[in-house]
C-alpha atoms as a PDB file:
ATOM      1  CA  MET A   1     -27.656-103.612  77.241  1.00  0.00           C
ATOM      2  CA  GLU A   2     -30.479-104.047  79.756  1.00  0.00           C
ATOM      3  CA  ASP A   3     -31.243-100.735  81.678  1.00  0.00           C
ATOM      4  CA  ARG A   4     -30.008-100.647  85.157  1.00  0.00           C
ATOM      5  CA  MET A   5     -32.314 -99.968  88.008  1.00  0.00           C
ATOM      6  CA  ARG A   6     -32.116 -96.469  89.358  1.00  0.00           C
ATOM      7  CA  ILE A   7     -32.144 -95.753  93.156  1.00  0.00           C
ATOM      8  CA  LEU A   8     -32.788 -92.325  94.676  1.00  0.00           C
ATOM      9  CA  LEU A   9     -30.358 -92.482  97.938  1.00  0.00           C
ATOM     10  CA  CYS A  10     -30.788 -89.778 100.344  1.00  0.00           C
ATOM     11  CA  GLU A  11     -28.254 -89.857 103.255  1.00  0.00           C
ATOM     12  CA  ASP A  12     -27.030 -86.669 105.309  1.00  0.00           C
ATOM     13  CA  ASP A  13     -23.939 -88.624 106.364  1.00  0.00           C
ATOM     14  CA  GLU A  14     -22.156 -87.851 103.404  1.00  0.00           C
ATOM     15  CA  ASN A  15     -19.205 -90.389 103.906  1.00  0.00           C
ATOM     16  CA  LEU A  16     -21.520 -93.192 104.455  1.00  0.00           C
ATOM     17  CA  GLY A  17     -23.896 -92.099 101.457  1.00  0.00           C
ATOM     18  CA  MET A  18     -20.770 -92.155  99.234  1.00  0.00           C
ATOM     19  CA  LEU A  19     -19.887 -95.750 100.291  1.00  0.00           C
ATOM     20  CA  LEU A  20     -23.574 -96.752  99.905  1.00  0.00           C
ATOM     21  CA  ARG A  21     -23.523 -95.324  96.551  1.00  0.00           C
ATOM     22  CA  GLU A  22     -20.405 -97.050  95.362  1.00  0.00           C
ATOM     23  CA  TYR A  23     -21.503-100.372  96.774  1.00  0.00           C
ATOM     24  CA  LEU A  24     -24.751-100.187  95.096  1.00  0.00           C
ATOM     25  CA  GLN A  25     -23.443 -99.142  91.682  1.00  0.00           C
ATOM     26  CA  ALA A  26     -20.524-102.101  92.127  1.00  0.00           C
ATOM     27  CA  LYS A  27     -23.699-104.326  92.402  1.00  0.00           C
ATOM     28  CA  GLY A  28     -25.351-103.125  89.116  1.00  0.00           C
ATOM     29  CA  TYR A  29     -27.531-100.088  90.366  1.00  0.00           C
ATOM     30  CA  ASN A  30     -27.676 -96.669  89.142  1.00  0.00           C
ATOM     31  CA  ALA A  31     -27.642 -94.634  92.435  1.00  0.00           C
ATOM     32  CA  ASP A  32     -27.869 -90.961  92.722  1.00  0.00           C
ATOM     33  CA  LEU A  33     -26.886 -89.387  96.102  1.00  0.00           C
ATOM     34  CA  TYR A  34     -28.403 -86.522  97.994  1.00  0.00           C
ATOM     35  CA  VAL A  35     -27.549 -85.190 101.164  1.00  0.00           C
ATOM     36  CA  ASP A  36     -30.884 -83.399 102.150  1.00  0.00           C
ATOM     37  CA  GLY A  37     -34.594 -84.027 101.583  1.00  0.00           C
ATOM     38  CA  GLU A  38     -35.190 -80.958  99.631  1.00  0.00           C
ATOM     39  CA  ALA A  39     -32.396 -81.972  96.961  1.00  0.00           C
ATOM     40  CA  GLY A  40     -33.775 -85.614  97.147  1.00  0.00           C
ATOM     41  CA  TYR A  41     -37.347 -84.225  96.229  1.00  0.00           C
ATOM     42  CA  LYS A  42     -36.281 -82.118  93.318  1.00  0.00           C
ATOM     43  CA  ALA A  43     -34.181 -84.884  92.049  1.00  0.00           C
ATOM     44  CA  PHE A  44     -37.458 -87.367  92.122  1.00  0.00           C
ATOM     45  CA  LEU A  45     -39.414 -84.789  90.252  1.00  0.00           C
ATOM     46  CA  LYS A  46     -36.971 -84.699  87.289  1.00  0.00           C
ATOM     47  CA  GLY A  47     -35.828 -88.436  87.329  1.00  0.00           C
ATOM     48  CA  LYS A  48     -37.450 -91.972  87.182  1.00  0.00           C
ATOM     49  CA  TYR A  49     -36.501 -93.997  89.805  1.00  0.00           C
ATOM     50  CA  ASP A  50     -37.347 -97.504  90.642  1.00  0.00           C
ATOM     51  CA  ILE A  51     -36.777 -97.600  94.306  1.00  0.00           C
ATOM     52  CA  CYS A  52     -36.043 -94.825  97.111  1.00  0.00           C
ATOM     53  CA  VAL A  53     -33.680 -95.342  99.965  1.00  0.00           C
ATOM     54  CA  LEU A  54     -34.348 -92.447 102.562  1.00  0.00           C
ATOM     55  CA  ASP A  55     -32.433 -91.513 105.695  1.00  0.00           C
ATOM     56  CA  VAL A  56     -35.066 -90.318 108.007  1.00  0.00           C
ATOM     57  CA  MET A  57     -32.893 -87.559 109.899  1.00  0.00           C
ATOM     58  CA  MET A  58     -31.957 -85.143 107.030  1.00  0.00           C
ATOM     59  CA  PRO A  59     -31.566 -81.312 106.965  1.00  0.00           C
ATOM     60  CA  LYS A  60     -34.088 -79.017 105.115  1.00  0.00           C
ATOM     61  CA  LYS A  61     -36.612 -81.875 104.688  1.00  0.00           C
ATOM     62  CA  ASP A  62     -36.708 -85.100 107.019  1.00  0.00           C
ATOM     63  CA  GLY A  63     -37.293 -88.288 105.330  1.00  0.00           C
ATOM     64  CA  PHE A  64     -41.010 -89.042 106.506  1.00  0.00           C
ATOM     65  CA  THR A  65     -41.712 -85.674 104.925  1.00  0.00           C
ATOM     66  CA  LEU A  66     -40.094 -86.323 101.876  1.00  0.00           C
ATOM     67  CA  ALA A  67     -41.731 -89.864 101.663  1.00  0.00           C
ATOM     68  CA  GLN A  68     -45.118 -88.031 102.094  1.00  0.00           C
ATOM     69  CA  GLU A  69     -44.330 -85.751  99.194  1.00  0.00           C
ATOM     70  CA  ILE A  70     -42.937 -88.668  97.017  1.00  0.00           C
ATOM     71  CA  ARG A  71     -46.200 -90.503  97.584  1.00  0.00           C
ATOM     72  CA  THR A  72     -48.255 -87.498  96.332  1.00  0.00           C
ATOM     73  CA  VAL A  73     -46.370 -87.913  93.004  1.00  0.00           C
ATOM     74  CA  ASN A  74     -46.044 -91.662  92.940  1.00  0.00           C
ATOM     75  CA  SER A  75     -47.953 -93.988  95.268  1.00  0.00           C
ATOM     76  CA  GLU A  76     -46.481 -97.026  94.107  1.00  0.00           C
ATOM     77  CA  VAL A  77     -42.487 -96.485  94.013  1.00  0.00           C
ATOM     78  CA  PRO A  78     -40.977 -98.633  96.527  1.00  0.00           C
ATOM     79  CA  ILE A  79     -39.312 -96.802  99.640  1.00  0.00           C
ATOM     80  CA  ILE A  80     -36.958 -98.054 102.253  1.00  0.00           C
ATOM     81  CA  PHE A  81     -36.169 -96.045 105.399  1.00  0.00           C
ATOM     82  CA  LEU A  82     -32.468 -95.815 106.840  1.00  0.00           C
ATOM     83  CA  THR A  83     -32.009 -94.489 110.299  1.00  0.00           C
ATOM     84  CA  ALA A  84     -30.281 -94.569 113.833  1.00  0.00           C
ATOM     85  CA  LYS A  85     -33.782 -94.395 115.704  1.00  0.00           C
ATOM     86  CA  SER A  86     -35.085 -97.854 116.693  1.00  0.00           C
ATOM     87  CA  LEU A  87     -38.049 -96.336 118.528  1.00  0.00           C
ATOM     88  CA  LYS A  88     -41.429 -98.490 117.996  1.00  0.00           C
ATOM     89  CA  ASP A  89     -43.195 -95.296 117.114  1.00  0.00           C
ATOM     90  CA  ASP A  90     -40.900 -94.175 114.543  1.00  0.00           C
ATOM     91  CA  ILE A  91     -40.761 -97.494 112.712  1.00  0.00           C
ATOM     92  CA  LEU A  92     -44.655 -97.483 112.647  1.00  0.00           C
ATOM     93  CA  GLU A  93     -44.654 -94.251 111.370  1.00  0.00           C
ATOM     94  CA  GLY A  94     -42.763 -95.084 108.592  1.00  0.00           C
ATOM     95  CA  PHE A  95     -44.982 -97.931 107.737  1.00  0.00           C
ATOM     96  CA  LYS A  96     -47.782 -95.876 108.021  1.00  0.00           C
ATOM     97  CA  LEU A  97     -46.483 -93.494 105.315  1.00  0.00           C
ATOM     98  CA  GLY A  98     -46.148 -96.561 103.039  1.00  0.00           C
ATOM     99  CA  ALA A  99     -42.575 -97.713 103.505  1.00  0.00           C
ATOM    100  CA  ASP A 100     -41.820-101.059 102.112  1.00  0.00           C
ATOM    101  CA  ASP A 101     -39.050-101.751 104.548  1.00  0.00           C
ATOM    102  CA  TYR A 102     -36.934-100.070 107.400  1.00  0.00           C
ATOM    103  CA  ILE A 103     -33.532-100.664 108.282  1.00  0.00           C
ATOM    104  CA  THR A 104     -31.891 -99.296 111.483  1.00  0.00           C
ATOM    105  CA  LYS A 105     -28.177 -98.482 111.647  1.00  0.00           C
ATOM    106  CA  PRO A 106     -25.778 -99.765 111.878  1.00  0.00           C
ATOM    107  CA  PHE A 107     -26.516-102.079 109.088  1.00  0.00           C
ATOM    108  CA  SER A 108     -24.413-104.147 106.422  1.00  0.00           C
ATOM    109  CA  MET A 109     -24.488-102.734 102.824  1.00  0.00           C
ATOM    110  CA  GLU A 110     -25.298-106.569 102.006  1.00  0.00           C
ATOM    111  CA  GLU A 111     -28.133-106.751 103.911  1.00  0.00           C
ATOM    112  CA  LEU A 112     -29.597-103.408 102.159  1.00  0.00           C
ATOM    113  CA  VAL A 113     -28.938-104.812  98.757  1.00  0.00           C
ATOM    114  CA  LEU A 114     -30.637-108.211  99.651  1.00  0.00           C
ATOM    115  CA  ARG A 115     -33.820-106.098 100.635  1.00  0.00           C
ATOM    116  CA  ILE A 116     -33.593-103.918  97.566  1.00  0.00           C
ATOM    117  CA  GLU A 117     -33.557-107.039  95.268  1.00  0.00           C
ATOM    118  CA  ALA A 118     -36.344-108.788  97.275  1.00  0.00           C
ATOM    119  CA  ILE A 119     -38.832-105.566  96.799  1.00  0.00           C
ATOM    120  CA  LEU A 120     -37.747-105.240  93.387  1.00  0.00           C
ATOM    121  CA  ARG A 121     -38.654-108.814  92.491  1.00  0.00           C
ATOM    122  CA  ARG A 122     -42.112-108.278  94.099  1.00  0.00           C
ATOM    123  CA  VAL A 123     -42.557-105.193  92.075  1.00  0.00           C
ATOM    124  CA  LYS A 124     -41.224-106.680  88.915  1.00  0.00           C
ATOM    125  CA  GLY A 125     -43.374-109.913  89.442  1.00  0.00           C
ATOM    126  CA  LYS A 126     -46.550-107.917  90.096  1.00  0.00           C
ATOM    127  CA  LYS A 127     -46.050-105.725  87.015  1.00  0.00           C
ATOM    128  CA  GLY A 128     -45.401-109.038  84.893  1.00  0.00           C
ATOM    129  CA  LYS A 129     -48.856-110.675  85.481  1.00  0.00           C
ATOM    130  CA  GLU A 130     -51.959-109.947  83.625  1.00  0.00           C
ATOM    131  CA  VAL A 131     -54.719-107.861  84.760  1.00  0.00           C
ATOM    132  CA  THR A 132     -56.684-109.206  87.291  1.00  0.00           C
ATOM    133  CA  MET A 133     -60.025-108.055  88.698  1.00  0.00           C
ATOM    134  CA  TYR A 134     -61.560-109.111  91.904  1.00  0.00           C
ATOM    135  CA  LYS A 135     -65.309-108.340  92.827  1.00  0.00           C
ATOM    136  CA  ILE A 136     -65.517-107.993  96.618  1.00  0.00           C
ATOM    137  CA  GLY A 137     -69.270-107.548  97.251  1.00  0.00           C
ATOM    138  CA  LYS A 138     -70.246-104.120  95.654  1.00  0.00           C
ATOM    139  CA  PHE A 139     -66.439-103.453  94.944  1.00  0.00           C
ATOM    140  CA  THR A 140     -64.184-104.129  92.070  1.00  0.00           C
ATOM    141  CA  PHE A 141     -60.719-104.344  92.898  1.00  0.00           C
ATOM    142  CA  ASP A 142     -58.062-103.726  89.878  1.00  0.00           C
ATOM    143  CA  THR A 143     -54.881-105.528  91.311  1.00  0.00           C
ATOM    144  CA  GLN A 144     -52.872-104.184  88.202  1.00  0.00           C
ATOM    145  CA  LYS A 145     -53.875-100.225  88.531  1.00  0.00           C
ATOM    146  CA  GLN A 146     -54.162-100.868  92.388  1.00  0.00           C
ATOM    147  CA  VAL A 147     -57.660 -99.159  92.717  1.00  0.00           C
ATOM    148  CA  LEU A 148     -60.814-100.102  94.600  1.00  0.00           C
ATOM    149  CA  MET A 149     -63.941 -98.938  92.803  1.00  0.00           C
ATOM    150  CA  ILE A 150     -67.502 -98.759  94.100  1.00  0.00           C
ATOM    151  CA  GLY A 151     -70.257 -96.745  92.390  1.00  0.00           C
ATOM    152  CA  ASP A 152     -68.595 -93.817  91.127  1.00  0.00           C
ATOM    153  CA  LYS A 153     -65.908 -93.779  93.752  1.00  0.00           C
ATOM    154  CA  THR A 154     -62.136 -94.782  92.997  1.00  0.00           C
ATOM    155  CA  THR A 155     -59.712 -95.372  95.589  1.00  0.00           C
ATOM    156  CA  LYS A 156     -56.091 -95.519  94.853  1.00  0.00           C
ATOM    157  CA  LEU A 157     -54.191 -98.151  96.916  1.00  0.00           C
ATOM    158  CA  THR A 158     -50.702 -98.008  97.993  1.00  0.00           C
ATOM    159  CA  THR A 159     -48.546-101.078  96.985  1.00  0.00           C
ATOM    160  CA  LYS A 160     -48.544-102.757 100.279  1.00  0.00           C
ATOM    161  CA  GLU A 161     -52.425-102.346 100.476  1.00  0.00           C
ATOM    162  CA  SER A 162     -52.876-103.702  97.194  1.00  0.00           C
ATOM    163  CA  GLU A 163     -50.539-106.730  97.995  1.00  0.00           C
ATOM    164  CA  LEU A 164     -52.230-107.522 101.192  1.00  0.00           C
ATOM    165  CA  LEU A 165     -55.844-107.067  99.569  1.00  0.00           C
ATOM    166  CA  SER A 166     -54.804-109.453  96.846  1.00  0.00           C
ATOM    167  CA  LEU A 167     -53.887-112.003  99.108  1.00  0.00           C
ATOM    168  CA  LEU A 168     -57.044-111.532 101.114  1.00  0.00           C
ATOM    169  CA  CYS A 169     -59.076-111.847  97.889  1.00  0.00           C
ATOM    170  CA  ALA A 170     -57.186-115.040  96.837  1.00  0.00           C
ATOM    171  CA  HIS A 171     -58.296-116.409 100.071  1.00  0.00           C
ATOM    172  CA  VAL A 172     -61.868-114.966 100.538  1.00  0.00           C
ATOM    173  CA  ASN A 173     -63.851-116.381 103.182  1.00  0.00           C
ATOM    174  CA  GLU A 174     -61.000-118.636 104.235  1.00  0.00           C
ATOM    175  CA  ILE A 175     -58.142-117.967 106.573  1.00  0.00           C
ATOM    176  CA  LEU A 176     -55.224-115.911 105.514  1.00  0.00           C
ATOM    177  CA  GLU A 177     -52.141-117.039 107.707  1.00  0.00           C
ATOM    178  CA  ARG A 178     -50.481-114.413 109.360  1.00  0.00           C
ATOM    179  CA  ASN A 179     -47.045-115.601 108.940  1.00  0.00           C
ATOM    180  CA  TYR A 180     -47.744-116.616 105.431  1.00  0.00           C
ATOM    181  CA  ALA A 181     -48.895-112.862 104.512  1.00  0.00           C
ATOM    182  CA  LEU A 182     -45.827-111.519 106.327  1.00  0.00           C
ATOM    183  CA  LYS A 183     -43.242-113.446 104.451  1.00  0.00           C
ATOM    184  CA  THR A 184     -44.670-113.308 101.161  1.00  0.00           C
ATOM    185  CA  ILE A 185     -45.150-109.248 101.567  1.00  0.00           C
ATOM    186  CA  TRP A 186     -42.632-108.105 103.976  1.00  0.00           C
ATOM    187  CA  ILE A 187     -40.141-111.247 103.448  1.00  0.00           C
ATOM    188  CA  ASP A 188     -39.795-111.233 107.386  1.00  0.00           C
ATOM    189  CA  ASP A 189     -42.293-112.070 109.965  1.00  0.00           C
ATOM    190  CA  ASN A 190     -40.553-109.802 112.768  1.00  0.00           C
ATOM    191  CA  TYR A 191     -42.598-107.727 115.405  1.00  0.00           C
ATOM    192  CA  PHE A 192     -42.306-104.452 113.456  1.00  0.00           C
ATOM    193  CA  ASN A 193     -43.769-105.907 109.976  1.00  0.00           C
ATOM    194  CA  ALA A 194     -46.299-107.650 112.261  1.00  0.00           C
ATOM    195  CA  ARG A 195     -47.167-104.300 113.588  1.00  0.00           C
ATOM    196  CA  SER A 196     -47.002-103.033 110.242  1.00  0.00           C
ATOM    197  CA  MET A 197     -49.388-105.510 108.533  1.00  0.00           C
ATOM    198  CA  ASP A 198     -51.815-104.660 111.304  1.00  0.00           C
ATOM    199  CA  VAL A 199     -51.597-100.944 110.364  1.00  0.00           C
ATOM    200  CA  TYR A 200     -52.557-101.733 106.790  1.00  0.00           C
ATOM    201  CA  ILE A 201     -55.433-104.199 107.725  1.00  0.00           C
ATOM    202  CA  THR A 202     -56.820-101.146 109.752  1.00  0.00           C
ATOM    203  CA  LYS A 203     -56.665 -99.015 106.515  1.00  0.00           C
ATOM    204  CA  LEU A 204     -58.069-101.838 104.344  1.00  0.00           C
ATOM    205  CA  ARG A 205     -61.146-101.983 106.792  1.00  0.00           C
ATOM    206  CA  LYS A 206     -61.676 -98.235 106.150  1.00  0.00           C
ATOM    207  CA  HIS A 207     -61.312 -98.552 102.605  1.00  0.00           C
ATOM    208  CA  LEU A 208     -64.262-101.317 102.332  1.00  0.00           C
ATOM    209  CA  LYS A 209     -66.507 -99.779 104.967  1.00  0.00           C
ATOM    210  CA  ALA A 210     -68.689 -98.553 102.355  1.00  0.00           C
ATOM    211  CA  ASP A 211     -70.049-101.999 101.903  1.00  0.00           C
ATOM    212  CA  PRO A 212     -71.589-103.523 105.064  1.00  0.00           C
ATOM    213  CA  SER A 213     -71.593-106.952 103.615  1.00  0.00           C
ATOM    214  CA  ILE A 214     -67.684-106.897 103.656  1.00  0.00           C
ATOM    215  CA  GLU A 215     -65.674-107.431 106.714  1.00  0.00           C
ATOM    216  CA  ILE A 216     -61.955-108.436 107.549  1.00  0.00           C
ATOM    217  CA  ILE A 217     -62.004-110.329 110.837  1.00  0.00           C
ATOM    218  CA  ASN A 218     -59.127-111.237 113.106  1.00  0.00           C
ATOM    219  CA  ILE A 219     -58.687-115.160 113.745  1.00  0.00           C
ATOM    220  CA  HIS A 220     -57.015-115.234 117.101  1.00  0.00           C
ATOM    221  CA  GLY A 221     -53.489-116.925 116.650  1.00  0.00           C
ATOM    222  CA  LYS A 222     -53.854-117.657 113.166  1.00  0.00           C
ATOM    223  CA  GLY A 223     -54.324-114.642 110.902  1.00  0.00           C
ATOM    224  CA  TYR A 224     -57.449-112.684 109.041  1.00  0.00           C
ATOM    225  CA  LYS A 225     -60.434-113.714 107.081  1.00  0.00           C
ATOM    226  CA  LEU A 226     -61.985-111.494 104.380  1.00  0.00           C
ATOM    227  CA  ILE A 227     -65.538-112.149 104.514  1.00  0.00           C
ATOM    228  CA  ALA A 228     -67.527-111.317 101.418  1.00  0.00           C
ATOM    229  CA  PRO A 229     -70.784-112.513  99.505  1.00  0.00           C
ATOM    230  CA  GLU A 230     -70.355-114.630  96.442  1.00  0.00           C
ATOM    231  CA  PRO A 231     -67.148-113.587  95.147  1.00  0.00           C
ATOM    232  CA  GLU A 232     -66.027-113.398  91.756  1.00  0.00           C
ATOM    233  CA  ASN A 233     -62.408-113.588  90.181  1.00  0.00           C
ATOM    234  CA  GLU A 234     -62.491-112.106  86.495  1.00  0.00           C
ATOM    235  CA  LYS A 235     -58.782-112.667  84.853  1.00  0.00           C
END
């Protein structure tokens, strides 16, 4: 029997948490429920999870703090935030921490499952590909290991940074359409995802600044363009 995907579910509303856990289990997932961030972090250290679903407002350790600590252990595991908050600053903060998605309450359990499935499909598809190396100016980008290398310096990228840089490399010196990138990586081209992508573009610019021959420019009303000299794509 095929192993079921494991979900770390952290939700301080115990009634909601139990409903979510039962629904996820009915849909074929193994879901472990914890009602505070501290217990969730201890569970993450002991277990192997395919995705984390974290409530933002939790006792002992909030969802943002928990996500930061999870990211220090595993920079690749997908994270979805659940919250009653809908303030733009809170949502952007979640994306800055490397969130893969953000759902505001109230939400339908079916919507949560659809978003989980979409993220896991992307992750599975990425892992199923052969190792691909991109040469970007003086940089080497390993999409499989999600690392960016220049000289003796190696930078580990988050999943979102790696996915976005992969798209830019695939369209190097061409326009990467904004909506195409949003729908490919974030599934939805809504306002919050668009702002999140802007955050990641800024991060990628910082990562690439060591080579002045490379730049990511905004193409007004269209998207972005990665400018790099004589790119090579080795498979």
